[in-house]
Protein backbone atom coordinates (compact mmCIF):
# COMPACT_ATOMS: atom_id res chain seq x y z
CA MET A 1 60.38 20.83 -103.79
CA ARG A 2 63.61 19.78 -104.92
CA GLN A 3 64.95 17.36 -103.23
CA VAL A 4 68.01 17.24 -100.76
CA ASP A 5 71.21 16.06 -102.67
CA ALA A 6 72.17 13.43 -100.02
CA SER A 7 75.28 11.63 -102.31
CA ILE A 8 77.58 13.78 -101.20
CA ALA A 9 80.49 11.88 -99.91
CA GLY A 10 78.10 8.53 -99.91
CA LYS A 11 76.51 9.74 -97.27
CA LYS A 12 72.66 8.97 -96.49
CA VAL A 13 70.72 11.43 -94.37
CA ALA A 14 68.68 10.21 -90.92
CA MET A 15 66.26 11.46 -88.43
CA VAL A 16 66.12 9.84 -84.99
CA GLY A 17 63.41 11.69 -82.28
CA VAL A 18 60.05 12.30 -80.66
CA SER A 19 57.36 14.51 -80.67
CA HIS A 20 54.28 15.57 -79.33
CA ARG A 21 52.57 13.33 -81.61
CA ALA A 22 53.77 10.43 -80.18
CA VAL A 23 55.87 10.58 -76.59
CA PRO A 24 53.92 11.35 -73.80
CA LEU A 25 55.35 14.47 -71.74
CA ASP A 26 57.26 13.73 -68.98
CA LEU A 27 59.98 11.48 -71.55
CA ARG A 28 59.74 14.54 -73.78
CA GLU A 29 60.69 16.17 -70.79
CA ARG A 30 63.22 14.37 -69.92
CA LEU A 31 64.77 13.91 -73.30
CA HIS A 32 64.70 17.57 -73.99
CA VAL A 33 68.40 19.00 -73.91
CA ASP A 34 69.46 22.80 -73.67
CA PRO A 35 72.15 24.56 -76.36
CA GLN A 36 75.11 23.33 -74.98
CA LEU A 37 74.24 19.85 -74.03
CA ALA A 38 72.93 19.68 -77.89
CA ARG A 39 76.23 20.60 -78.81
CA GLU A 40 78.13 18.14 -76.80
CA ILE A 41 75.67 15.46 -78.19
CA GLY A 42 76.26 17.14 -82.10
CA SER A 43 79.79 16.87 -81.41
CA ARG A 44 80.10 13.32 -80.19
CA LEU A 45 77.56 11.78 -83.07
CA ALA A 46 79.36 13.69 -85.82
CA GLY A 47 82.49 12.53 -84.42
CA GLU A 48 80.90 8.98 -85.06
CA THR A 49 79.53 9.37 -88.25
CA GLY A 50 79.93 12.41 -89.26
CA GLU A 51 77.65 15.30 -89.08
CA ALA A 52 75.21 15.89 -86.49
CA VAL A 53 71.95 18.56 -86.43
CA VAL A 54 70.23 18.26 -82.98
CA VAL A 55 67.09 20.58 -82.77
CA SER A 56 65.38 20.59 -79.24
CA THR A 57 62.84 22.51 -78.69
CA CYS A 58 59.92 21.74 -75.84
CA ASN A 59 57.34 19.76 -78.00
CA ARG A 60 60.53 17.43 -80.17
CA THR A 61 63.85 16.09 -79.82
CA GLU A 62 65.00 15.09 -82.83
CA LEU A 63 67.89 14.17 -84.11
CA TYR A 64 69.38 14.56 -87.62
CA LEU A 65 72.53 13.54 -88.80
CA ALA A 66 74.52 12.75 -92.97
CA ALA A 67 76.86 9.33 -92.88
CA THR A 68 78.15 7.23 -94.96
CA ASN A 69 76.70 4.71 -92.87
CA VAL A 70 73.44 5.66 -91.56
CA SER A 71 72.63 2.56 -89.76
CA ALA A 72 74.81 2.81 -86.92
CA ALA A 73 74.50 6.54 -86.81
CA THR A 74 71.03 5.56 -86.45
CA ALA A 75 72.03 3.02 -83.37
CA LEU A 76 74.13 6.07 -81.88
CA ALA A 77 71.61 8.00 -81.69
CA LEU A 78 69.51 5.48 -80.35
CA ASP A 79 72.10 4.99 -77.25
CA GLU A 80 72.15 8.84 -76.67
CA LEU A 81 68.41 8.98 -76.26
CA ALA A 82 68.27 6.52 -74.14
CA GLY A 83 70.64 7.88 -71.99
CA LEU A 84 68.87 10.54 -72.21
CA ALA A 85 66.10 9.07 -70.93
CA GLY A 86 67.15 7.02 -68.26
CA LEU A 87 66.07 3.73 -70.72
CA HIS A 88 67.55 1.12 -72.43
CA ALA A 89 67.94 0.84 -75.95
CA GLN A 90 65.62 -0.77 -77.08
CA GLU A 91 62.41 0.67 -74.91
CA VAL A 92 63.53 3.98 -76.97
CA ARG A 93 63.16 2.41 -80.33
CA SER A 94 59.69 1.81 -80.13
CA LEU A 95 59.07 5.22 -78.83
CA VAL A 96 61.27 6.91 -81.90
CA ALA A 97 60.95 7.68 -84.91
CA VAL A 98 63.68 7.29 -87.52
CA LEU A 99 62.77 8.05 -90.90
CA GLY A 100 65.13 8.55 -93.84
CA ASP A 101 66.64 10.81 -96.06
CA ASP A 102 63.26 12.32 -98.07
CA GLU A 103 61.44 11.16 -95.45
CA ALA A 104 63.79 13.00 -92.81
CA ALA A 105 63.89 15.86 -95.29
CA ALA A 106 60.41 16.36 -96.02
CA HIS A 107 59.64 15.78 -91.99
CA LEU A 108 62.42 18.20 -91.25
CA PHE A 109 60.87 20.80 -94.10
CA ALA A 110 57.57 20.17 -92.21
CA VAL A 111 58.65 21.58 -88.80
CA ALA A 112 60.25 24.32 -90.14
CA GLY A 113 57.01 25.28 -92.05
CA GLY A 114 55.30 24.47 -88.62
CA LEU A 115 53.37 22.01 -89.73
CA GLU A 116 54.75 19.43 -88.03
CA SER A 117 53.38 22.16 -84.66
CA MET A 118 51.30 20.88 -81.74
CA ALA A 119 49.37 24.19 -83.12
CA VAL A 120 49.78 24.33 -86.57
CA GLY A 121 51.26 27.74 -88.42
CA GLU A 122 53.63 27.89 -85.05
CA THR A 123 55.91 31.20 -85.41
CA GLN A 124 58.69 29.82 -83.17
CA ILE A 125 59.57 27.13 -84.77
CA LEU A 126 61.12 27.41 -87.82
CA GLY A 127 63.32 30.44 -85.22
CA GLN A 128 64.43 26.89 -83.58
CA VAL A 129 65.21 25.21 -86.65
CA ARG A 130 67.45 28.05 -87.34
CA ASP A 131 69.31 28.18 -84.30
CA ALA A 132 69.85 24.59 -84.18
CA HIS A 133 71.61 24.83 -87.81
CA ARG A 134 73.23 28.01 -86.31
CA ARG A 135 74.85 26.02 -83.48
CA ALA A 136 75.88 23.01 -85.70
CA LEU A 137 77.63 24.75 -87.38
CA GLU A 138 78.95 26.65 -85.00
CA ALA A 139 80.35 23.40 -82.51
CA ARG A 140 81.22 21.84 -86.42
CA THR A 141 79.15 19.03 -86.10
CA SER A 142 77.44 19.96 -89.80
CA GLY A 143 79.02 19.05 -92.43
CA PRO A 144 78.50 19.91 -96.39
CA VAL A 145 74.53 17.26 -96.57
CA SER A 146 73.37 18.85 -93.05
CA ASP A 147 74.26 22.29 -94.19
CA ARG A 148 72.20 22.41 -97.55
CA LEU A 149 69.35 20.36 -96.38
CA PHE A 150 68.71 22.71 -92.92
CA ARG A 151 69.02 25.93 -95.90
CA GLN A 152 66.52 24.35 -97.75
CA ALA A 153 64.19 23.59 -94.63
CA VAL A 154 64.27 27.00 -93.92
CA GLN A 155 63.72 29.12 -97.04
CA THR A 156 60.76 26.38 -96.59
CA GLY A 157 59.95 27.35 -94.12
CA ARG A 158 59.63 31.21 -94.73
CA ARG A 159 57.89 31.05 -97.50
CA ILE A 160 55.05 28.00 -96.30
CA ARG A 161 54.70 31.52 -93.94
CA SER A 162 55.23 34.07 -96.69
CA GLU A 163 53.47 31.90 -99.76
CA THR A 164 50.09 30.44 -97.81
CA SER A 165 47.39 31.24 -95.35
CA LEU A 166 49.22 29.03 -92.51
CA LEU A 167 48.98 32.00 -90.14
CA GLU A 168 45.59 33.09 -90.47
CA SER A 169 45.24 30.69 -87.78
CA SER A 170 45.92 30.46 -84.31
CA ALA A 171 49.85 30.66 -84.50
CA SER A 172 50.99 29.50 -80.43
CA ILE A 173 48.80 27.63 -78.24
CA PRO A 174 48.55 30.69 -76.05
CA ALA A 175 46.74 32.26 -78.99
CA ALA A 176 44.19 29.65 -79.70
CA ALA A 177 43.47 29.45 -75.77
CA THR A 178 42.80 33.06 -75.59
CA ARG A 179 40.94 32.45 -78.73
CA LEU A 180 38.59 30.15 -77.35
CA ALA A 181 37.95 31.82 -73.98
CA GLU A 182 36.80 35.12 -76.59
């Protein structure tokens, strides 16, 4: 895997978010954002930090940031999630994953490839990652670092699907349930 050059303009990458792996459904539902709210959150975060892309699906809400001061950007992202959840930032901090640079990039690549899905190989997530990136580009909250990161993640997701046998397994929860019922 090629590394994402996050040193453009001295920016570092961070991911602040929740997923089905560690957060119960009721909290994930409170943290879910529709595309319009994702644009608003992205604009607020990008205005303060530099670059922001919001990925929100039924199983995750993740804020990807590129900033020169990643600690401050992470704190702002935690505040956004706390506001959505109706909790204090300290309460949210114990529930939220915070990843930096290479870990954040590797995580996004795994998400785009369906490797972090509830049903491994789930096919909708790649489109959701691509749509989040497109919305951030349209809202001008994506910059050179996040643009490159998301382009590489989408490319990696496509390669995972085309070069592995991942799609031979159940690619969605309904498909898995149907197989089990049969």
